[in-house]
Amino acid sequence: MRSPPRRLLFSALLTAPLLAAAPAAADDTPTLRWELPVTCYNLNEGRTVRVQCTQDTKGETCLAAPGEMVGIGDPLDKVQSCTPASDAAYRALTRRARIVPAIAEAPPGYARGESGRAFQVKFDLLNRFYIGVGWAPTLQSSRGFAVPPGFPFARANAEMGIHLSILSPRRRSRHDLRILEGSATFADLELRGTLLSYDYQHERRRPLFWLSTFFGEPEVHPILPRMGFGFRILSVLDRQPSFRDTLDMEFGEFHIAYNPWQSDDMYSHFRVELGGDFGAHWQDRAAVSGKSGNYFIGPTVALESRISLGKGGLHYLFSDLTFRRPTIVSGELLGETVNRLAGSLAYEGVLVAINDQPISVRLSAEGRTQNDFVRDVRAVELRFLAGLRMSFGAPPRIFEPMPAFEDP
């Protein structure tokens, strides 16, 4: 009868007479701890044993793990440096300590499989380069939610982008960047994208001021505004709802922000943004030029959230609601003002990983409504997306809370 996979991991160790102790059950096999020192004993038969020892009232107990891949013989990857020791030192250790077969240590965010290979089990999807494909059925109409005759329902979607998120615990701040992020929808080609987006969020180490209240017993409360700011550079919104020949290009947007709620490491948050943007609108997307553009400026308001479900980085929720009120300040539509509202809700979850590069499923629903600058007609668009994303370079999701609040 074939040995269980967990026992195969220790077969090399168990053949040595010095490791005659019975192996632990598969579910109870201990693992060396990453943060504790490791001693590597080089045995005479050419193998290596990685050992961590602890002392208690019952004596000395040592966890011993193979230093090579089971069945391959290659050295283990992603292990910490260790203190070398001889075969004779290991024999002396087995005479005075209880030896327990174990699995070698793995860095934070990784686990070690039956063969000894380390594999990533947590993913930070705020730091990655991704490409994706999906199915994006879309409904558009300028007369309520009726589907225009012959309008394409099934559409393919391709997307890509670069996400970077940098946490500074000492400064209690996080920097979020999105670079070259865009998508293309096919069947009737539609492009959307942003060259650069940056957001900064900050939580003060000390209160900005103190608020005293006198309802009942007098109390004093620290006021710590979680303020930030951000901007976008060169965003393209092609073929707007029900006005399929038009194009909007936002040259720049700037906003200040406030986070009513955020997690201890600023990873998850709910964000309120208030700002303004400047750009141009073209009635004919096929004839884009500086002379034909209608340049606009106007205020923007947005509510945005991102939530990591758990600390493993395997499941995420995103939402966004944005209101824009652009006014034409130059061009043939001078003085025209419209209201534009867009919202989205999305889920992304990691399914599998190929060589530690995660493939995630993304499900989203988006809605947009706006008035045309020329016609007094309100257009509505509903889009649904089901697709897959392949991410590259996503590091392990590490929970790193901010330093303790200072009360002067």
Protein backbone atom coordinates (compact mmCIF):
# COMPACT_ATOMS: atom_id res chain seq x y z
CA MET A 1 0.00 0.00 0.00
CA ARG A 2 1.37 3.39 -0.98
CA SER A 3 2.40 5.74 1.86
CA PRO A 4 0.36 8.91 2.37
CA PRO A 5 1.85 11.97 0.61
CA ARG A 6 2.69 13.65 3.90
CA ARG A 7 4.81 10.70 4.97
CA LEU A 8 6.63 10.73 1.64
CA LEU A 9 7.83 14.21 2.56
CA PHE A 10 9.77 12.72 5.44
CA SER A 11 10.80 9.39 3.95
CA ALA A 12 14.39 10.55 3.53
CA LEU A 13 14.54 11.54 7.18
CA LEU A 14 12.88 8.41 8.48
CA THR A 15 15.40 6.12 6.76
CA ALA A 16 18.10 7.45 9.08
CA PRO A 17 18.33 5.47 12.31
CA LEU A 18 18.68 8.68 14.22
CA LEU A 19 15.12 9.60 13.24
CA ALA A 20 13.45 6.44 14.40
CA ALA A 21 10.64 8.33 16.09
CA ALA A 22 7.22 7.63 14.52
CA PRO A 23 5.97 10.36 12.15
CA ALA A 24 3.08 12.55 13.12
CA ALA A 25 -0.32 12.17 11.49
CA ALA A 26 -0.76 14.05 8.22
CA ASP A 27 -3.05 16.68 9.66
CA ASP A 28 -0.82 17.20 12.69
CA THR A 29 2.52 17.62 10.91
CA PRO A 30 4.18 20.73 12.37
CA THR A 31 5.93 23.39 10.32
CA LEU A 32 9.12 25.26 11.13
CA ARG A 33 8.44 28.88 12.01
CA TRP A 34 9.77 31.55 9.69
CA GLU A 35 10.66 34.04 12.43
CA LEU A 36 12.77 31.59 14.47
CA PRO A 37 16.41 30.61 13.75
CA VAL A 38 17.12 27.37 11.86
CA THR A 39 20.13 25.06 12.07
CA CYS A 40 21.08 23.06 8.95
CA TYR A 41 22.75 19.72 9.69
CA ASN A 42 24.70 18.31 6.74
CA LEU A 43 24.46 14.52 7.06
CA ASN A 44 27.17 12.17 5.79
CA GLU A 45 24.83 10.58 3.21
CA GLY A 46 24.59 13.92 1.40
CA ARG A 47 21.27 15.11 2.78
CA THR A 48 20.44 18.21 4.83
CA VAL A 49 18.10 18.44 7.80
CA ARG A 50 16.63 21.77 8.85
CA VAL A 51 16.03 21.88 12.62
CA GLN A 52 14.34 24.18 15.12
CA CYS A 53 14.46 23.31 18.82
CA THR A 54 12.43 24.47 21.82
CA GLN A 55 12.90 23.78 25.52
CA ASP A 56 10.05 23.13 27.96
CA THR A 57 9.43 21.26 31.22
CA LYS A 58 9.45 17.93 29.35
CA GLY A 59 12.86 18.59 27.86
CA GLU A 60 14.12 19.59 24.44
CA THR A 61 11.95 19.04 21.37
CA CYS A 62 13.29 19.58 17.85
CA LEU A 63 11.35 19.89 14.60
CA ALA A 64 13.33 18.34 11.72
CA ALA A 65 12.46 18.96 8.06
CA PRO A 66 14.15 17.73 4.86
CA GLY A 67 16.36 20.32 3.21
CA GLU A 68 15.65 18.99 -0.31
CA MET A 69 12.63 18.52 -2.54
CA VAL A 70 11.06 15.07 -2.06
CA GLY A 71 11.68 12.81 -5.06
CA ILE A 72 13.73 15.49 -6.85
CA GLY A 73 16.63 16.19 -4.55
CA ASP A 74 16.89 19.88 -5.46
CA PRO A 75 17.44 22.31 -2.54
CA LEU A 76 14.32 23.92 -1.11
CA ASP A 77 13.40 27.37 -2.41
CA LYS A 78 12.22 30.34 -0.36
CA VAL A 79 13.83 29.32 2.94
CA GLN A 80 15.65 31.58 5.35
CA SER A 81 19.38 31.41 5.94
CA CYS A 82 20.49 28.87 8.52
CA THR A 83 23.42 28.05 10.77
CA PRO A 84 25.42 25.09 9.35
CA ALA A 85 26.28 22.11 11.56
CA SER A 86 27.89 18.67 11.10
CA ASP A 87 26.56 15.12 11.04
CA ALA A 88 28.21 14.45 14.40
CA ALA A 89 26.39 17.41 15.96
CA TYR A 90 23.09 16.05 14.66
CA ARG A 91 23.78 12.60 16.14
CA ALA A 92 24.49 14.25 19.49
CA LEU A 93 21.23 16.21 19.19
CA THR A 94 19.17 13.05 18.62
CA ARG A 95 20.56 11.50 21.78
CA ARG A 96 19.45 14.34 24.03
CA ALA A 97 16.28 15.67 22.29
CA ARG A 98 13.00 14.36 20.93
CA ILE A 99 13.01 14.62 17.11
CA VAL A 100 9.68 15.36 15.40
CA PRO A 101 9.41 15.19 11.56
CA ALA A 102 8.21 18.53 10.20
CA ILE A 103 7.80 20.68 7.09
CA ALA A 104 10.35 23.38 6.28
CA GLU A 105 9.47 27.01 6.94
CA ALA A 106 7.89 29.25 4.27
CA PRO A 107 7.91 33.07 4.07
CA PRO A 108 4.78 35.06 5.02
CA GLY A 109 2.09 34.63 2.37
CA TYR A 110 3.42 31.23 1.28
CA ALA A 111 2.79 27.61 2.22
CA ARG A 112 4.87 24.52 1.49
CA GLY A 113 3.40 21.57 -0.39
CA GLU A 114 3.91 17.83 0.01
CA SER A 115 6.95 17.88 -2.29
CA GLY A 116 8.56 20.70 -0.34
CA ARG A 117 7.82 23.38 -2.94
CA ALA A 118 6.75 26.76 -1.55
CA PHE A 119 3.69 28.27 -3.23
CA GLN A 120 1.92 31.59 -2.76
CA VAL A 121 -1.40 31.49 -0.89
CA LYS A 122 -2.05 35.22 -0.39
CA PHE A 123 -2.18 37.89 -3.09
CA ASP A 124 -2.07 41.67 -3.04
CA LEU A 125 -4.09 42.68 -6.11
CA LEU A 126 -3.34 46.36 -5.46
CA ASN A 127 0.17 45.65 -6.77
CA ARG A 128 0.22 43.95 -10.16
CA PHE A 129 0.17 44.13 -13.93
CA TYR A 130 -2.93 42.46 -15.32
CA ILE A 131 -4.55 41.52 -18.60
CA GLY A 132 -8.11 40.31 -18.91
CA VAL A 133 -10.82 39.12 -21.25
CA GLY A 134 -14.54 38.83 -20.72
CA TRP A 135 -18.08 39.00 -21.96
CA ALA A 136 -19.78 42.39 -21.65
CA PRO A 137 -23.48 42.41 -22.57
CA THR A 138 -24.65 46.02 -22.79
CA LEU A 139 -28.02 47.73 -22.90
CA GLN A 140 -28.32 51.31 -24.13
CA SER A 141 -31.31 53.52 -24.77
CA SER A 142 -32.48 57.11 -24.87
CA ARG A 143 -36.07 56.01 -24.14
CA GLY A 144 -36.00 54.39 -20.73
CA PHE A 145 -34.72 50.83 -20.61
CA ALA A 146 -36.18 49.65 -23.91
CA VAL A 147 -33.54 47.90 -26.04
CA PRO A 148 -33.12 49.64 -29.42
CA PRO A 149 -33.85 47.31 -32.36
CA GLY A 150 -30.78 45.49 -33.61
CA PHE A 151 -28.56 46.72 -30.79
CA PRO A 152 -25.68 44.31 -30.05
CA PHE A 153 -26.15 42.43 -26.80
CA ALA A 154 -23.19 40.07 -26.73
CA ARG A 155 -19.83 41.88 -26.78
CA ALA A 156 -16.26 40.78 -26.07
CA ASN A 157 -14.09 42.84 -23.73
CA ALA A 158 -10.30 43.06 -23.30
CA GLU A 159 -8.53 45.04 -20.58
CA MET A 160 -5.14 45.73 -19.05
CA GLY A 161 -3.57 47.92 -16.38
CA ILE A 162 -0.82 48.44 -13.83
CA HIS A 163 -1.67 48.88 -10.14
CA LEU A 164 0.77 50.04 -7.47
CA SER A 165 -0.04 50.65 -3.80
CA ILE A 166 2.68 51.79 -1.38
CA LEU A 167 2.09 51.82 2.37
CA SER A 168 4.18 53.99 4.70
CA PRO A 169 3.42 52.86 8.27
CA ARG A 170 5.75 55.43 9.84
CA ARG A 171 4.03 58.29 8.02
CA ARG A 172 0.60 56.64 8.35
CA SER A 173 -0.12 57.06 4.64
CA ARG A 174 -0.81 55.03 1.48
CA HIS A 175 -0.13 55.93 -2.15
CA ASP A 176 -2.29 54.29 -4.86
CA LEU A 177 -1.33 54.51 -8.55
CA ARG A 178 -3.01 53.15 -11.67
CA ILE A 179 -1.04 53.39 -14.89
CA LEU A 180 -2.07 52.70 -18.50
CA GLU A 181 -5.38 51.25 -17.41
CA GLY A 182 -7.92 50.71 -20.17
CA SER A 183 -10.38 48.43 -21.91
CA ALA A 184 -11.65 47.79 -25.41
CA THR A 185 -15.09 46.39 -26.19
CA PHE A 186 -15.57 44.66 -29.52
CA ALA A 187 -18.42 44.00 -31.94
CA ASP A 188 -18.75 47.78 -32.13
CA LEU A 189 -15.34 49.08 -31.04
CA GLU A 190 -15.41 51.17 -27.87
CA LEU A 191 -12.35 52.38 -25.95
CA ARG A 192 -11.99 53.54 -22.36
CA GLY A 193 -8.84 54.26 -20.42
CA THR A 194 -6.74 56.45 -18.14
CA LEU A 195 -3.06 57.26 -18.57
CA LEU A 196 -2.36 57.90 -14.86
CA SER A 197 -4.43 57.97 -11.69
CA TYR A 198 -3.01 58.78 -8.25
CA ASP A 199 -4.63 58.80 -4.81
CA TYR A 200 -3.09 59.66 -1.45
CA GLN A 201 -4.68 58.90 1.90
CA HIS A 202 -3.35 59.82 5.31
CA GLU A 203 -4.28 59.38 8.94
CA ARG A 204 -2.72 61.75 11.42
CA ARG A 205 -0.59 60.33 14.21
CA ARG A 206 -1.94 63.00 16.57
CA PRO A 207 -5.40 64.60 16.63
CA LEU A 208 -5.93 67.75 14.59
CA PHE A 209 -8.03 69.16 17.42
CA TRP A 210 -10.09 68.01 20.39
CA LEU A 211 -13.87 68.25 20.58
CA SER A 212 -15.49 68.64 23.99
CA THR A 213 -19.15 67.66 24.45
CA PHE A 214 -21.46 68.47 27.32
CA PHE A 215 -24.44 66.20 26.67
CA GLY A 216 -24.64 64.37 29.97
CA GLU A 217 -21.19 63.87 31.44
CA PRO A 218 -18.54 66.15 29.85
CA GLU A 219 -16.28 64.23 27.47
CA VAL A 220 -13.43 65.07 25.11
CA HIS A 221 -12.94 63.37 21.73
CA PRO A 222 -9.88 63.35 19.42
CA ILE A 223 -10.63 64.49 15.86
CA LEU A 224 -8.48 62.67 13.33
CA PRO A 225 -9.60 63.60 9.80
CA ARG A 226 -8.53 60.91 7.34
CA MET A 227 -7.85 63.36 4.55
CA GLY A 228 -6.18 62.86 1.19
CA PHE A 229 -6.15 63.99 -2.40
CA GLY A 230 -5.73 62.61 -5.90
CA PHE A 231 -5.73 63.34 -9.60
CA ARG A 232 -6.21 61.76 -13.01
CA ILE A 233 -4.37 62.57 -16.23
CA LEU A 234 -5.79 61.94 -19.71
CA SER A 235 -8.90 59.79 -19.45
CA VAL A 236 -10.83 58.70 -22.55
CA LEU A 237 -14.56 57.94 -22.58
CA ASP A 238 -15.52 56.72 -26.03
CA ARG A 239 -19.00 56.24 -27.52
CA GLN A 240 -21.14 57.55 -24.69
CA PRO A 241 -24.57 56.10 -23.87
CA SER A 242 -26.86 56.17 -26.91
CA PHE A 243 -24.68 58.85 -28.55
CA ARG A 244 -22.39 56.43 -30.30
CA ASP A 245 -20.56 58.95 -32.46
CA THR A 246 -19.31 61.12 -29.59
CA LEU A 247 -16.06 61.18 -27.61
CA ASP A 248 -15.08 62.70 -24.27
CA MET A 249 -11.46 63.26 -23.29
CA GLU A 250 -10.70 64.40 -19.75
CA PHE A 251 -7.30 66.09 -19.77
CA GLY A 252 -7.05 66.38 -16.00
CA GLU A 253 -9.00 65.97 -12.78
CA PHE A 254 -8.08 66.90 -9.21
CA HIS A 255 -9.94 66.16 -5.99
CA ILE A 256 -9.63 66.25 -2.23
CA ALA A 257 -10.83 63.23 -0.30
CA TYR A 258 -12.07 62.11 3.09
CA ASN A 259 -12.25 58.52 4.33
CA PRO A 260 -15.13 58.12 6.82
CA TRP A 261 -13.95 54.52 7.31
CA GLN A 262 -10.74 52.64 6.56
CA SER A 263 -9.04 49.48 7.79
CA ASP A 264 -6.05 49.62 10.14
CA ASP A 265 -3.61 49.29 7.23
CA MET A 266 -5.60 51.64 4.91
CA TYR A 267 -6.10 48.71 2.53
CA SER A 268 -9.89 48.75 2.65
CA HIS A 269 -11.76 52.02 2.78
CA PHE A 270 -14.83 54.08 1.96
CA ARG A 271 -13.85 57.35 0.28
CA VAL A 272 -15.64 60.63 -0.50
CA GLU A 273 -14.09 62.84 -3.20
CA LEU A 274 -14.84 66.42 -4.22
CA GLY A 275 -13.05 68.11 -7.12
CA GLY A 276 -13.20 69.33 -10.68
CA ASP A 277 -12.11 68.30 -14.17
CA PHE A 278 -11.18 69.85 -17.50
CA GLY A 279 -11.49 68.24 -20.93
CA ALA A 280 -13.06 68.31 -24.37
CA HIS A 281 -16.14 66.84 -26.06
CA TRP A 282 -16.44 65.91 -29.72
CA GLN A 283 -19.76 65.31 -31.46
CA ASP A 284 -17.97 63.29 -34.17
CA ARG A 285 -15.43 60.80 -32.80
CA ALA A 286 -14.05 60.24 -36.29
CA ALA A 287 -12.99 63.89 -36.65
CA VAL A 288 -11.10 64.63 -33.44
CA SER A 289 -8.98 67.77 -33.58
CA GLY A 290 -8.21 70.75 -31.42
CA LYS A 291 -10.37 73.06 -33.53
CA SER A 292 -13.48 70.85 -33.49
CA GLY A 293 -13.48 70.21 -29.75
CA ASN A 294 -15.88 71.72 -27.26
CA TYR A 295 -13.79 72.32 -24.14
CA PHE A 296 -15.49 71.87 -20.78
CA ILE A 297 -14.84 72.38 -17.10
CA GLY A 298 -16.96 71.40 -14.14
CA PRO A 299 -17.25 69.97 -10.63
CA THR A 300 -17.04 66.28 -9.77
CA VAL A 301 -18.26 64.32 -6.75
CA ALA A 302 -17.48 60.65 -6.14
CA LEU A 303 -18.15 57.93 -3.58
CA GLU A 304 -15.70 55.04 -3.83
CA SER A 305 -14.95 51.94 -1.80
CA ARG A 306 -12.69 48.90 -1.90
CA ILE A 307 -12.96 46.06 0.56
CA SER A 308 -10.66 43.07 0.96
CA LEU A 309 -12.69 40.18 2.36
CA GLY A 310 -10.28 38.68 4.88
CA LYS A 311 -6.52 39.17 5.07
CA GLY A 312 -5.52 36.67 2.40
CA GLY A 313 -6.19 38.91 -0.61
CA LEU A 314 -8.33 36.27 -2.34
CA HIS A 315 -11.63 38.17 -2.49
CA TYR A 316 -12.32 41.87 -3.17
CA LEU A 317 -15.34 44.15 -3.54
CA PHE A 318 -15.17 47.49 -5.40
CA SER A 319 -17.81 50.19 -5.84
CA ASP A 320 -17.85 53.64 -7.41
CA LEU A 321 -20.46 56.37 -7.88
CA THR A 322 -19.41 59.53 -9.75
CA PHE A 323 -21.35 62.68 -10.63
CA ARG A 324 -19.98 65.19 -13.15
CA ARG A 325 -21.52 68.48 -14.30
CA PRO A 326 -19.42 69.80 -17.20
CA THR A 327 -20.04 73.19 -18.79
CA ILE A 328 -18.76 74.00 -22.28
CA VAL A 329 -16.43 77.01 -22.03
CA SER A 330 -15.06 77.05 -25.58
CA GLY A 331 -16.42 75.81 -28.91
CA GLU A 332 -19.65 75.76 -30.83
CA LEU A 333 -21.64 74.51 -27.82
CA LEU A 334 -20.45 77.37 -25.58
CA GLY A 335 -22.50 77.65 -22.38
CA GLU A 336 -24.14 74.21 -22.54
CA THR A 337 -24.21 72.24 -19.26
CA VAL A 338 -25.24 68.63 -18.64
CA ASN A 339 -25.44 66.17 -15.75
CA ARG A 340 -23.57 62.87 -15.95
CA LEU A 341 -23.87 60.02 -13.44
CA ALA A 342 -21.93 56.75 -13.48
CA GLY A 343 -21.75 53.89 -11.01
CA SER A 344 -20.26 50.41 -10.73
CA LEU A 345 -20.14 47.43 -8.40
CA ALA A 346 -17.56 44.68 -8.91
CA TYR A 347 -16.28 41.50 -7.30
CA GLU A 348 -12.89 39.93 -7.99
CA GLY A 349 -11.73 36.61 -6.55
CA VAL A 350 -8.64 34.49 -7.13
CA LEU A 351 -9.42 31.09 -8.67
CA VAL A 352 -6.05 29.45 -9.37
CA ALA A 353 -2.41 30.45 -9.77
CA ILE A 354 0.13 29.37 -12.39
CA ASN A 355 3.67 29.58 -10.99
CA ASP A 356 2.31 31.94 -8.32
CA GLN A 357 0.70 34.23 -10.95
CA PRO A 358 -3.00 34.41 -9.98
CA ILE A 359 -5.95 34.06 -12.35
CA SER A 360 -9.04 35.76 -10.93
CA VAL A 361 -12.68 35.96 -11.94
CA ARG A 362 -14.23 39.42 -12.18
CA LEU A 363 -17.98 40.09 -12.12
CA SER A 364 -19.29 43.63 -12.40
CA ALA A 365 -22.34 45.73 -13.16
CA GLU A 366 -22.05 49.30 -14.44
CA GLY A 367 -24.57 52.00 -15.17
CA ARG A 368 -24.28 55.44 -16.81
CA THR A 369 -26.80 58.14 -17.55
CA GLN A 370 -26.39 61.59 -19.06
CA ASN A 371 -27.92 64.33 -21.18
CA ASP A 372 -26.66 65.06 -24.66
CA PHE A 373 -25.15 68.53 -25.14
CA VAL A 374 -27.29 69.17 -28.24
CA ARG A 375 -30.51 67.25 -27.68
CA ASP A 376 -32.46 67.41 -24.43
CA VAL A 377 -32.52 63.61 -24.23
CA ARG A 378 -31.44 61.51 -21.28
CA ALA A 379 -29.52 58.38 -22.21
CA VAL A 380 -29.07 55.25 -20.11
CA GLU A 381 -26.50 52.48 -20.40
CA LEU A 382 -26.30 49.25 -18.40
CA ARG A 383 -23.29 46.99 -18.79
CA PHE A 384 -22.52 43.65 -17.19
CA LEU A 385 -19.12 41.96 -17.27
CA ALA A 386 -18.03 38.41 -16.58
CA GLY A 387 -14.39 37.73 -17.26
CA LEU A 388 -10.99 36.48 -16.17
CA ARG A 389 -7.86 38.42 -15.27
CA MET A 390 -4.29 37.14 -15.31
CA SER A 391 -2.11 39.09 -12.87
CA PHE A 392 1.67 39.27 -12.85
CA GLY A 393 3.98 40.32 -10.03
CA ALA A 394 1.31 40.36 -7.31
CA PRO A 395 3.17 40.02 -3.97
CA PRO A 396 1.69 38.24 -0.94
CA ARG A 397 -1.00 40.18 0.90
CA ILE A 398 0.66 41.19 4.18
CA PHE A 399 -1.39 42.80 6.92
CA GLU A 400 0.62 45.72 8.29
CA PRO A 401 -1.34 47.96 10.68
CA MET A 402 -0.41 51.55 11.43
CA PRO A 403 1.65 52.51 14.51
CA ALA A 404 -0.25 53.17 17.70
CA PHE A 405 -2.10 56.46 17.99
CA GLU A 406 -0.16 59.10 19.92
CA ASP A 407 -2.02 60.93 22.65
CA PRO A 408 0.07 63.94 23.70
